[in-house]
Amino acid sequence: MGLFDYVLLSFKCPNCGEIEKHHEWQTKAFDRVLSTYKPGQVAETDDALIKDGKVWIHTVCKNCNKPIQARVVIKNYKLTSKIDYASHIKKRRKLSLKLAKTN
């Protein structure tokens, strides 16, 4: 397990539709010292400054209790409020296809 940081963003569960305006996602993309990051903050670690890209964030829906994995977008060194849920859906599809082939 280990330590992680929080990213404070909105949340809409891709499984059940539950919505939260302020949700603490977890990430291991930064320094892992239980810091809280918000949109507009510079995305950096002790070793690197992230200019543009996406980092993994994780949570569990409080309503349906399912794990969610997505990516938050970083633009011009700053964390945005944009969440890429497509990566979560693609991962679930791959797992479903893999399970279907083994049965």
PDB file of N, CA and C in Angstrom:
ATOM      1  N   MET A   1       0.833  -1.183   0.000  1.00  0.00           N
ATOM      2  CA  MET A   1       0.000   0.000   0.000  1.00  0.00           C
ATOM      3  C   MET A   1       0.879   1.249   0.000  1.00  0.00           C
ATOM      4  N   GLY A   2       1.396   1.670   1.126  1.00  0.00           N
ATOM      5  CA  GLY A   2       2.251   2.834   1.177  1.00  0.00           C
ATOM      6  C   GLY A   2       1.476   4.133   1.208  1.00  0.00           C
ATOM      7  N   LEU A   3       2.219   5.230   1.212  1.00  0.00           N
ATOM      8  CA  LEU A   3       1.609   6.551   1.243  1.00  0.00           C
ATOM      9  C   LEU A   3       1.207   7.014  -0.148  1.00  0.00           C
ATOM     10  N   PHE A   4       0.440   8.084  -0.175  1.00  0.00           N
ATOM     11  CA  PHE A   4      -0.095   8.639  -1.422  1.00  0.00           C
ATOM     12  C   PHE A   4      -0.388  10.104  -1.175  1.00  0.00           C
ATOM     13  N   ASP A   5      -0.873  10.807  -2.186  1.00  0.00           N
ATOM     14  CA  ASP A   5      -1.355  12.179  -2.050  1.00  0.00           C
ATOM     15  C   ASP A   5      -2.820  12.204  -2.462  1.00  0.00           C
ATOM     16  N   TYR A   6      -3.484  13.289  -2.136  1.00  0.00           N
ATOM     17  CA  TYR A   6      -4.879  13.483  -2.526  1.00  0.00           C
ATOM     18  C   TYR A   6      -4.960  14.495  -3.659  1.00  0.00           C
ATOM     19  N   VAL A   7      -5.945  14.313  -4.531  1.00  0.00           N
ATOM     20  CA  VAL A   7      -6.286  15.305  -5.546  1.00  0.00           C
ATOM     21  C   VAL A   7      -7.762  15.622  -5.333  1.00  0.00           C
ATOM     22  N   LEU A   8      -8.059  16.867  -4.997  1.00  0.00           N
ATOM     23  CA  LEU A   8      -9.423  17.284  -4.698  1.00  0.00           C
ATOM     24  C   LEU A   8     -10.114  17.731  -5.989  1.00  0.00           C
ATOM     25  N   LEU A   9     -11.043  16.909  -6.462  1.00  0.00           N
ATOM     26  CA  LEU A   9     -11.762  17.157  -7.718  1.00  0.00           C
ATOM     27  C   LEU A   9     -13.212  16.741  -7.570  1.00  0.00           C
ATOM     28  N   SER A  10     -14.023  17.092  -8.552  1.00  0.00           N
ATOM     29  CA  SER A  10     -15.389  16.574  -8.586  1.00  0.00           C
ATOM     30  C   SER A  10     -15.328  15.088  -8.937  1.00  0.00           C
ATOM     31  N   PHE A  11     -16.447  14.409  -8.767  1.00  0.00           N
ATOM     32  CA  PHE A  11     -16.485  12.973  -9.024  1.00  0.00           C
ATOM     33  C   PHE A  11     -17.848  12.601  -9.576  1.00  0.00           C
ATOM     34  N   LYS A  12     -17.845  11.839 -10.674  1.00  0.00           N
ATOM     35  CA  LYS A  12     -19.085  11.251 -11.186  1.00  0.00           C
ATOM     36  C   LYS A  12     -18.776   9.797 -11.481  1.00  0.00           C
ATOM     37  N   CYS A  13     -19.397   8.910 -10.743  1.00  0.00           N
ATOM     38  CA  CYS A  13     -19.115   7.487 -10.894  1.00  0.00           C
ATOM     39  C   CYS A  13     -19.555   7.002 -12.276  1.00  0.00           C
ATOM     40  N   PRO A  14     -18.643   6.395 -13.041  1.00  0.00           N
ATOM     41  CA  PRO A  14     -19.013   5.873 -14.355  1.00  0.00           C
ATOM     42  C   PRO A  14     -19.863   4.605 -14.259  1.00  0.00           C
ATOM     43  N   ASN A  15     -20.015   4.055 -13.064  1.00  0.00           N
ATOM     44  CA  ASN A  15     -20.819   2.845 -12.871  1.00  0.00           C
ATOM     45  C   ASN A  15     -22.259   3.160 -12.478  1.00  0.00           C
ATOM     46  N   CYS A  16     -22.443   3.997 -11.442  1.00  0.00           N
ATOM     47  CA  CYS A  16     -23.797   4.240 -10.933  1.00  0.00           C
ATOM     48  C   CYS A  16     -24.282   5.682 -11.113  1.00  0.00           C
ATOM     49  N   GLY A  17     -23.385   6.609 -11.500  1.00  0.00           N
ATOM     50  CA  GLY A  17     -23.774   7.997 -11.731  1.00  0.00           C
ATOM     51  C   GLY A  17     -23.703   8.894 -10.501  1.00  0.00           C
ATOM     52  N   GLU A  18     -23.288   8.371  -9.359  1.00  0.00           N
ATOM     53  CA  GLU A  18     -23.140   9.169  -8.133  1.00  0.00           C
ATOM     54  C   GLU A  18     -22.256  10.390  -8.412  1.00  0.00           C
ATOM     55  N   ILE A  19     -22.650  11.556  -7.870  1.00  0.00           N
ATOM     56  CA  ILE A  19     -21.905  12.794  -8.101  1.00  0.00           C
ATOM     57  C   ILE A  19     -21.501  13.410  -6.763  1.00  0.00           C
ATOM     58  N   GLU A  20     -20.254  13.874  -6.682  1.00  0.00           N
ATOM     59  CA  GLU A  20     -19.763  14.632  -5.532  1.00  0.00           C
ATOM     60  C   GLU A  20     -19.008  15.842  -6.079  1.00  0.00           C
ATOM     61  N   LYS A  21     -19.253  17.018  -5.510  1.00  0.00           N
ATOM     62  CA  LYS A  21     -18.562  18.226  -5.984  1.00  0.00           C
ATOM     63  C   LYS A  21     -17.116  18.280  -5.513  1.00  0.00           C
ATOM     64  N   HIS A  22     -16.851  17.823  -4.298  1.00  0.00           N
ATOM     65  CA  HIS A  22     -15.499  17.845  -3.732  1.00  0.00           C
ATOM     66  C   HIS A  22     -15.156  16.453  -3.249  1.00  0.00           C
ATOM     67  N   HIS A  23     -14.332  15.775  -3.999  1.00  0.00           N
ATOM     68  CA  HIS A  23     -14.001  14.385  -3.694  1.00  0.00           C
ATOM     69  C   HIS A  23     -12.490  14.231  -3.603  1.00  0.00           C
ATOM     70  N   GLU A  24     -12.024  13.497  -2.612  1.00  0.00           N
ATOM     71  CA  GLU A  24     -10.589  13.258  -2.461  1.00  0.00           C
ATOM     72  C   GLU A  24     -10.188  11.985  -3.201  1.00  0.00           C
ATOM     73  N   TRP A  25      -9.612  12.160  -4.375  1.00  0.00           N
ATOM     74  CA  TRP A  25      -9.026  11.058  -5.125  1.00  0.00           C
ATOM     75  C   TRP A  25      -7.639  10.788  -4.541  1.00  0.00           C
ATOM     76  N   GLN A  26      -7.126   9.594  -4.720  1.00  0.00           N
ATOM     77  CA  GLN A  26      -5.760   9.286  -4.300  1.00  0.00           C
ATOM     78  C   GLN A  26      -4.864   9.137  -5.522  1.00  0.00           C
ATOM     79  N   THR A  27      -3.595   9.494  -5.359  1.00  0.00           N
ATOM     80  CA  THR A  27      -2.615   9.318  -6.428  1.00  0.00           C
ATOM     81  C   THR A  27      -1.248   9.018  -5.830  1.00  0.00           C
ATOM     82  N   LYS A  28      -0.463   8.286  -6.578  1.00  0.00           N
ATOM     83  CA  LYS A  28       0.934   8.038  -6.209  1.00  0.00           C
ATOM     84  C   LYS A  28       1.863   8.724  -7.216  1.00  0.00           C
ATOM     85  N   ALA A  29       1.305   9.645  -8.009  1.00  0.00           N
ATOM     86  CA  ALA A  29       2.074  10.318  -9.060  1.00  0.00           C
ATOM     87  C   ALA A  29       2.970  11.434  -8.533  1.00  0.00           C
ATOM     88  N   PHE A  30       2.695  11.920  -7.336  1.00  0.00           N
ATOM     89  CA  PHE A  30       3.477  13.033  -6.810  1.00  0.00           C
ATOM     90  C   PHE A  30       4.422  12.542  -5.707  1.00  0.00           C
ATOM     91  N   ASP A  31       4.559  13.282  -4.613  1.00  0.00           N
ATOM     92  CA  ASP A  31       5.572  12.951  -3.612  1.00  0.00           C
ATOM     93  C   ASP A  31       5.154  11.921  -2.552  1.00  0.00           C
ATOM     94  N   ARG A  32       3.908  11.551  -2.509  1.00  0.00           N
ATOM     95  CA  ARG A  32       3.401  10.523  -1.579  1.00  0.00           C
ATOM     96  C   ARG A  32       3.626  10.885  -0.116  1.00  0.00           C
ATOM     97  N   VAL A  33       3.225  12.097   0.233  1.00  0.00           N
ATOM     98  CA  VAL A  33       3.387  12.555   1.615  1.00  0.00           C
ATOM     99  C   VAL A  33       2.064  13.068   2.193  1.00  0.00           C
ATOM    100  N   LEU A  34       0.949  12.577   1.672  1.00  0.00           N
ATOM    101  CA  LEU A  34      -0.399  12.940   2.116  1.00  0.00           C
ATOM    102  C   LEU A  34      -0.736  14.415   1.892  1.00  0.00           C
ATOM    103  N   SER A  35      -0.119  15.027   0.875  1.00  0.00           N
ATOM    104  CA  SER A  35      -0.463  16.396   0.483  1.00  0.00           C
ATOM    105  C   SER A  35      -1.776  16.381  -0.285  1.00  0.00           C
ATOM    106  N   THR A  36      -2.466  17.518  -0.309  1.00  0.00           N
ATOM    107  CA  THR A  36      -3.695  17.649  -1.081  1.00  0.00           C
ATOM    108  C   THR A  36      -3.457  18.642  -2.210  1.00  0.00           C
ATOM    109  N   TYR A  37      -3.722  18.219  -3.436  1.00  0.00           N
ATOM    110  CA  TYR A  37      -3.573  19.053  -4.632  1.00  0.00           C
ATOM    111  C   TYR A  37      -4.943  19.449  -5.155  1.00  0.00           C
ATOM    112  N   LYS A  38      -5.042  20.670  -5.683  1.00  0.00           N
ATOM    113  CA  LYS A  38      -6.294  21.192  -6.233  1.00  0.00           C
ATOM    114  C   LYS A  38      -6.044  21.712  -7.643  1.00  0.00           C
ATOM    115  N   PRO A  39      -7.093  21.807  -8.468  1.00  0.00           N
ATOM    116  CA  PRO A  39      -6.916  22.384  -9.802  1.00  0.00           C
ATOM    117  C   PRO A  39      -6.278  23.763  -9.714  1.00  0.00           C
ATOM    118  N   GLY A  40      -5.343  24.022 -10.633  1.00  0.00           N
ATOM    119  CA  GLY A  40      -4.633  25.289 -10.660  1.00  0.00           C
ATOM    120  C   GLY A  40      -3.268  25.219  -9.992  1.00  0.00           C
ATOM    121  N   GLN A  41      -3.040  24.186  -9.171  1.00  0.00           N
ATOM    122  CA  GLN A  41      -1.739  24.038  -8.536  1.00  0.00           C
ATOM    123  C   GLN A  41      -0.732  23.432  -9.503  1.00  0.00           C
ATOM    124  N   VAL A  42       0.538  23.779  -9.313  1.00  0.00           N
ATOM    125  CA  VAL A  42       1.610  23.236 -10.133  1.00  0.00           C
ATOM    126  C   VAL A  42       1.783  21.759  -9.810  1.00  0.00           C
ATOM    127  N   ALA A  43       1.888  20.954 -10.857  1.00  0.00           N
ATOM    128  CA  ALA A  43       2.054  19.502 -10.707  1.00  0.00           C
ATOM    129  C   ALA A  43       3.540  19.178 -10.725  1.00  0.00           C
ATOM    130  N   GLU A  44       4.078  18.872  -9.544  1.00  0.00           N
ATOM    131  CA  GLU A  44       5.501  18.580  -9.469  1.00  0.00           C
ATOM    132  C   GLU A  44       5.794  17.536  -8.405  1.00  0.00           C
ATOM    133  N   THR A  45       6.946  16.926  -8.530  1.00  0.00           N
ATOM    134  CA  THR A  45       7.471  16.015  -7.531  1.00  0.00           C
ATOM    135  C   THR A  45       8.847  16.530  -7.132  1.00  0.00           C
ATOM    136  N   ASP A  46       9.509  15.849  -6.233  1.00  0.00           N
ATOM    137  CA  ASP A  46      10.878  16.249  -5.887  1.00  0.00           C
ATOM    138  C   ASP A  46      11.803  16.140  -7.089  1.00  0.00           C
ATOM    139  N   ASP A  47      11.483  15.226  -8.004  1.00  0.00           N
ATOM    140  CA  ASP A  47      12.355  14.932  -9.137  1.00  0.00           C
ATOM    141  C   ASP A  47      11.953  15.581 -10.448  1.00  0.00           C
ATOM    142  N   ALA A  48      10.679  15.977 -10.599  1.00  0.00           N
ATOM    143  CA  ALA A  48      10.228  16.434 -11.912  1.00  0.00           C
ATOM    144  C   ALA A  48       9.109  17.464 -11.812  1.00  0.00           C
ATOM    145  N   LEU A  49       9.011  18.268 -12.853  1.00  0.00           N
ATOM    146  CA  LEU A  49       7.925  19.209 -13.040  1.00  0.00           C
ATOM    147  C   LEU A  49       7.160  18.722 -14.263  1.00  0.00           C
ATOM    148  N   ILE A  50       5.854  18.508 -14.128  1.00  0.00           N
ATOM    149  CA  ILE A  50       5.065  17.939 -15.216  1.00  0.00           C
ATOM    150  C   ILE A  50       4.430  19.071 -16.014  1.00  0.00           C
ATOM    151  N   LYS A  51       4.820  19.200 -17.305  1.00  0.00           N
ATOM    152  CA  LYS A  51       4.305  20.289 -18.138  1.00  0.00           C
ATOM    153  C   LYS A  51       2.916  19.973 -18.674  1.00  0.00           C
ATOM    154  N   ASP A  52       2.769  18.899 -19.412  1.00  0.00           N
ATOM    155  CA  ASP A  52       1.488  18.486 -19.991  1.00  0.00           C
ATOM    156  C   ASP A  52       1.384  16.971 -19.911  1.00  0.00           C
ATOM    157  N   GLY A  53       0.195  16.481 -19.662  1.00  0.00           N
ATOM    158  CA  GLY A  53      -0.005  15.036 -19.621  1.00  0.00           C
ATOM    159  C   GLY A  53      -1.155  14.658 -18.713  1.00  0.00           C
ATOM    160  N   LYS A  54      -1.138  13.416 -18.260  1.00  0.00           N
ATOM    161  CA  LYS A  54      -2.180  12.882 -17.389  1.00  0.00           C
ATOM    162  C   LYS A  54      -1.524  12.016 -16.325  1.00  0.00           C
ATOM    163  N   VAL A  55      -2.084  12.044 -15.118  1.00  0.00           N
ATOM    164  CA  VAL A  55      -1.603  11.159 -14.061  1.00  0.00           C
ATOM    165  C   VAL A  55      -2.771  10.347 -13.522  1.00  0.00           C
ATOM    166  N   TRP A  56      -2.462   9.142 -13.071  1.00  0.00           N
ATOM    167  CA  TRP A  56      -3.490   8.236 -12.551  1.00  0.00           C
ATOM    168  C   TRP A  56      -4.017   8.724 -11.208  1.00  0.00           C
ATOM    169  N   ILE A  57      -5.340   8.622 -11.044  1.00  0.00           N
ATOM    170  CA  ILE A  57      -6.003   8.893  -9.773  1.00  0.00           C
ATOM    171  C   ILE A  57      -6.943   7.728  -9.490  1.00  0.00           C
ATOM    172  N   HIS A  58      -7.180   7.459  -8.214  1.00  0.00           N
ATOM    173  CA  HIS A  58      -7.961   6.292  -7.812  1.00  0.00           C
ATOM    174  C   HIS A  58      -8.924   6.660  -6.692  1.00  0.00           C
ATOM    175  N   THR A  59     -10.050   5.977  -6.645  1.00  0.00           N
ATOM    176  CA  THR A  59     -11.014   6.177  -5.568  1.00  0.00           C
ATOM    177  C   THR A  59     -11.961   4.981  -5.522  1.00  0.00           C
ATOM    178  N   VAL A  60     -12.850   4.990  -4.552  1.00  0.00           N
ATOM    179  CA  VAL A  60     -13.921   4.001  -4.459  1.00  0.00           C
ATOM    180  C   VAL A  60     -15.220   4.786  -4.324  1.00  0.00           C
ATOM    181  N   CYS A  61     -16.206   4.453  -5.139  1.00  0.00           N
ATOM    182  CA  CYS A  61     -17.496   5.138  -5.086  1.00  0.00           C
ATOM    183  C   CYS A  61     -18.181   4.811  -3.758  1.00  0.00           C
ATOM    184  N   LYS A  62     -18.620   5.850  -3.055  1.00  0.00           N
ATOM    185  CA  LYS A  62     -19.298   5.661  -1.775  1.00  0.00           C
ATOM    186  C   LYS A  62     -20.687   5.068  -1.941  1.00  0.00           C
ATOM    187  N   ASN A  63     -21.272   5.213  -3.134  1.00  0.00           N
ATOM    188  CA  ASN A  63     -22.621   4.714  -3.376  1.00  0.00           C
ATOM    189  C   ASN A  63     -22.637   3.239  -3.780  1.00  0.00           C
ATOM    190  N   CYS A  64     -21.865   2.871  -4.808  1.00  0.00           N
ATOM    191  CA  CYS A  64     -21.887   1.485  -5.308  1.00  0.00           C
ATOM    192  C   CYS A  64     -20.694   0.665  -4.816  1.00  0.00           C
ATOM    193  N   ASN A  65     -19.758   1.320  -4.133  1.00  0.00           N
ATOM    194  CA  ASN A  65     -18.594   0.650  -3.539  1.00  0.00           C
ATOM    195  C   ASN A  65     -17.667   0.002  -4.566  1.00  0.00           C
ATOM    196  N   LYS A  66     -17.659   0.525  -5.798  1.00  0.00           N
ATOM    197  CA  LYS A  66     -16.779  -0.020  -6.832  1.00  0.00           C
ATOM    198  C   LYS A  66     -15.534   0.853  -6.978  1.00  0.00           C
ATOM    199  N   PRO A  67     -14.374   0.230  -7.204  1.00  0.00           N
ATOM    200  CA  PRO A  67     -13.149   1.013  -7.409  1.00  0.00           C
ATOM    201  C   PRO A  67     -13.175   1.719  -8.757  1.00  0.00           C
ATOM    202  N   ILE A  68     -12.662   2.937  -8.778  1.00  0.00           N
ATOM    203  CA  ILE A  68     -12.603   3.747  -9.989  1.00  0.00           C
ATOM    204  C   ILE A  68     -11.153   4.161 -10.213  1.00  0.00           C
ATOM    205  N   GLN A  69     -10.692   3.983 -11.425  1.00  0.00           N
ATOM    206  CA  GLN A  69      -9.359   4.433 -11.806  1.00  0.00           C
ATOM    207  C   GLN A  69      -9.520   5.323 -13.029  1.00  0.00           C
ATOM    208  N   ALA A  70      -8.972   6.527 -12.960  1.00  0.00           N
ATOM    209  CA  ALA A  70      -9.075   7.473 -14.068  1.00  0.00           C
ATOM    210  C   ALA A  70      -7.768   8.264 -14.127  1.00  0.00           C
ATOM    211  N   ARG A  71      -7.726   9.259 -15.004  1.00  0.00           N
ATOM    212  CA  ARG A  71      -6.546  10.119 -15.082  1.00  0.00           C
ATOM    213  C   ARG A  71      -6.985  11.578 -15.059  1.00  0.00           C
ATOM    214  N   VAL A  72      -6.216  12.407 -14.364  1.00  0.00           N
ATOM    215  CA  VAL A  72      -6.475  13.842 -14.331  1.00  0.00           C
ATOM    216  C   VAL A  72      -5.487  14.507 -15.299  1.00  0.00           C
ATOM    217  N   VAL A  73      -5.985  15.500 -16.020  1.00  0.00           N
ATOM    218  CA  VAL A  73      -5.193  16.178 -17.042  1.00  0.00           C
ATOM    219  C   VAL A  73      -4.350  17.287 -16.414  1.00  0.00           C
ATOM    220  N   ILE A  74      -3.085  17.360 -16.848  1.00  0.00           N
ATOM    221  CA  ILE A  74      -2.172  18.440 -16.465  1.00  0.00           C
ATOM    222  C   ILE A  74      -1.883  19.253 -17.721  1.00  0.00           C
ATOM    223  N   LYS A  75      -2.032  20.563 -17.625  1.00  0.00           N
ATOM    224  CA  LYS A  75      -1.822  21.457 -18.774  1.00  0.00           C
ATOM    225  C   LYS A  75      -1.020  22.665 -18.319  1.00  0.00           C
ATOM    226  N   ASN A  76       0.057  22.975 -19.045  1.00  0.00           N
ATOM    227  CA  ASN A  76       0.918  24.119 -18.709  1.00  0.00           C
ATOM    228  C   ASN A  76       1.386  24.064 -17.248  1.00  0.00           C
ATOM    229  N   TYR A  77       1.840  22.896 -16.824  1.00  0.00           N
ATOM    230  CA  TYR A  77       2.388  22.648 -15.487  1.00  0.00           C
ATOM    231  C   TYR A  77       1.346  22.603 -14.373  1.00  0.00           C
ATOM    232  N   LYS A  78       0.080  22.854 -14.689  1.00  0.00           N
ATOM    233  CA  LYS A  78      -0.932  22.929 -13.631  1.00  0.00           C
ATOM    234  C   LYS A  78      -1.978  21.829 -13.750  1.00  0.00           C
ATOM    235  N   LEU A  79      -2.415  21.378 -12.599  1.00  0.00           N
ATOM    236  CA  LEU A  79      -3.488  20.400 -12.518  1.00  0.00           C
ATOM    237  C   LEU A  79      -4.778  21.048 -13.010  1.00  0.00           C
ATOM    238  N   THR A  80      -5.545  20.362 -13.827  1.00  0.00           N
ATOM    239  CA  THR A  80      -6.846  20.876 -14.279  1.00  0.00           C
ATOM    240  C   THR A  80      -7.947  20.126 -13.539  1.00  0.00           C
ATOM    241  N   SER A  81      -9.177  20.490 -13.791  1.00  0.00           N
ATOM    242  CA  SER A  81     -10.304  19.777 -13.188  1.00  0.00           C
ATOM    243  C   SER A  81     -10.856  18.721 -14.149  1.00  0.00           C
ATOM    244  N   LYS A  82     -10.199  18.530 -15.292  1.00  0.00           N
ATOM    245  CA  LYS A  82     -10.667  17.569 -16.290  1.00  0.00           C
ATOM    246  C   LYS A  82     -10.216  16.146 -15.934  1.00  0.00           C
ATOM    247  N   ILE A  83     -11.171  15.243 -15.863  1.00  0.00           N
ATOM    248  CA  ILE A  83     -10.895  13.841 -15.538  1.00  0.00           C
ATOM    249  C   ILE A  83     -11.166  12.973 -16.757  1.00  0.00           C
ATOM    250  N   ASP A  84     -10.220  12.117 -17.088  1.00  0.00           N
ATOM    251  CA  ASP A  84     -10.352  11.183 -18.207  1.00  0.00           C
ATOM    252  C   ASP A  84     -10.838   9.846 -17.666  1.00  0.00           C
ATOM    253  N   TYR A  85     -12.163   9.640 -17.713  1.00  0.00           N
ATOM    254  CA  TYR A  85     -12.747   8.374 -17.264  1.00  0.00           C
ATOM    255  C   TYR A  85     -12.607   7.293 -18.323  1.00  0.00           C
ATOM    256  N   ALA A  86     -12.284   7.672 -19.563  1.00  0.00           N
ATOM    257  CA  ALA A  86     -12.186   6.698 -20.659  1.00  0.00           C
ATOM    258  C   ALA A  86     -11.169   5.614 -20.333  1.00  0.00           C
ATOM    259  N   SER A  87     -10.098   5.970 -19.655  1.00  0.00           N
ATOM    260  CA  SER A  87      -9.081   4.971 -19.304  1.00  0.00           C
ATOM    261  C   SER A  87      -9.665   3.926 -18.361  1.00  0.00           C
ATOM    262  N   HIS A  88     -10.585   4.320 -17.474  1.00  0.00           N
ATOM    263  CA  HIS A  88     -11.244   3.376 -16.563  1.00  0.00           C
ATOM    264  C   HIS A  88     -12.140   2.420 -17.353  1.00  0.00           C
ATOM    265  N   ILE A  89     -12.868   2.966 -18.298  1.00  0.00           N
ATOM    266  CA  ILE A  89     -13.795   2.152 -19.092  1.00  0.00           C
ATOM    267  C   ILE A  89     -13.027   1.174 -19.975  1.00  0.00           C
ATOM    268  N   LYS A  90     -11.945   1.625 -20.618  1.00  0.00           N
ATOM    269  CA  LYS A  90     -11.132   0.744 -21.455  1.00  0.00           C
ATOM    270  C   LYS A  90     -10.551  -0.403 -20.638  1.00  0.00           C
ATOM    271  N   LYS A  91     -10.091  -0.087 -19.434  1.00  0.00           N
ATOM    272  CA  LYS A  91      -9.497  -1.101 -18.573  1.00  0.00           C
ATOM    273  C   LYS A  91     -10.549  -2.143 -18.194  1.00  0.00           C
ATOM    274  N   ARG A  92     -11.774  -1.704 -17.878  1.00  0.00           N
ATOM    275  CA  ARG A  92     -12.856  -2.629 -17.522  1.00  0.00           C
ATOM    276  C   ARG A  92     -13.212  -3.520 -18.711  1.00  0.00           C
ATOM    277  N   ARG A  93     -13.254  -2.948 -19.923  1.00  0.00           N
ATOM    278  CA  ARG A  93     -13.576  -3.741 -21.113  1.00  0.00           C
ATOM    279  C   ARG A  93     -12.533  -4.818 -21.356  1.00  0.00           C
ATOM    280  N   LYS A  94     -11.244  -4.454 -21.214  1.00  0.00           N
ATOM    281  CA  LYS A  94     -10.174  -5.427 -21.413  1.00  0.00           C
ATOM    282  C   LYS A  94     -10.300  -6.572 -20.414  1.00  0.00           C
ATOM    283  N   LEU A  95     -10.591  -6.233 -19.156  1.00  0.00           N
ATOM    284  CA  LEU A  95     -10.748  -7.251 -18.135  1.00  0.00           C
ATOM    285  C   LEU A  95     -11.943  -8.143 -18.442  1.00  0.00           C
ATOM    286  N   SER A  96     -13.058  -7.552 -18.888  1.00  0.00           N
ATOM    287  CA  SER A  96     -14.250  -8.338 -19.233  1.00  0.00           C
ATOM    288  C   SER A  96     -13.960  -9.288 -20.390  1.00  0.00           C
ATOM    289  N   LEU A  97     -13.240  -8.802 -21.412  1.00  0.00           N
ATOM    290  CA  LEU A  97     -12.897  -9.647 -22.543  1.00  0.00           C
ATOM    291  C   LEU A  97     -11.970 -10.773 -22.111  1.00  0.00           C
ATOM    292  N   LYS A  98     -11.032 -10.477 -21.248  1.00  0.00           N
ATOM    293  CA  LYS A  98     -10.090 -11.477 -20.764  1.00  0.00           C
ATOM    294  C   LYS A  98     -10.831 -12.553 -19.964  1.00  0.00           C
ATOM    295  N   LEU A  99     -11.764 -12.140 -19.106  1.00  0.00           N
ATOM    296  CA  LEU A  99     -12.536 -13.095 -18.320  1.00  0.00           C
ATOM    297  C   LEU A  99     -13.430 -13.943 -19.209  1.00  0.00           C
ATOM    298  N   ALA A 100     -14.003 -13.338 -20.246  1.00  0.00           N
ATOM    299  CA  ALA A 100     -14.880 -14.074 -21.168  1.00  0.00           C
ATOM    300  C   ALA A 100     -14.098 -15.155 -21.912  1.00  0.00           C
ATOM    301  N   LYS A 101     -12.848 -14.865 -22.267  1.00  0.00           N
ATOM    302  CA  LYS A 101     -12.030 -15.835 -23.000  1.00  0.00           C
ATOM    303  C   LYS A 101     -11.621 -17.008 -22.127  1.00  0.00           C
ATOM    304  N   THR A 102     -11.478 -16.786 -20.827  1.00  0.00           N
ATOM    305  CA  THR A 102     -11.052 -17.864 -19.940  1.00  0.00           C
ATOM    306  C   THR A 102     -12.207 -18.772 -19.527  1.00  0.00           C
ATOM    307  N   ASN A 103     -13.444 -18.311 -19.716  1.00  0.00           N
ATOM    308  CA  ASN A 103     -14.607 -19.126 -19.319  1.00  0.00           C
ATOM    309  C   ASN A 103     -15.073 -20.037 -20.408  1.00  0.00           C
TER     310      ASN A 103
END
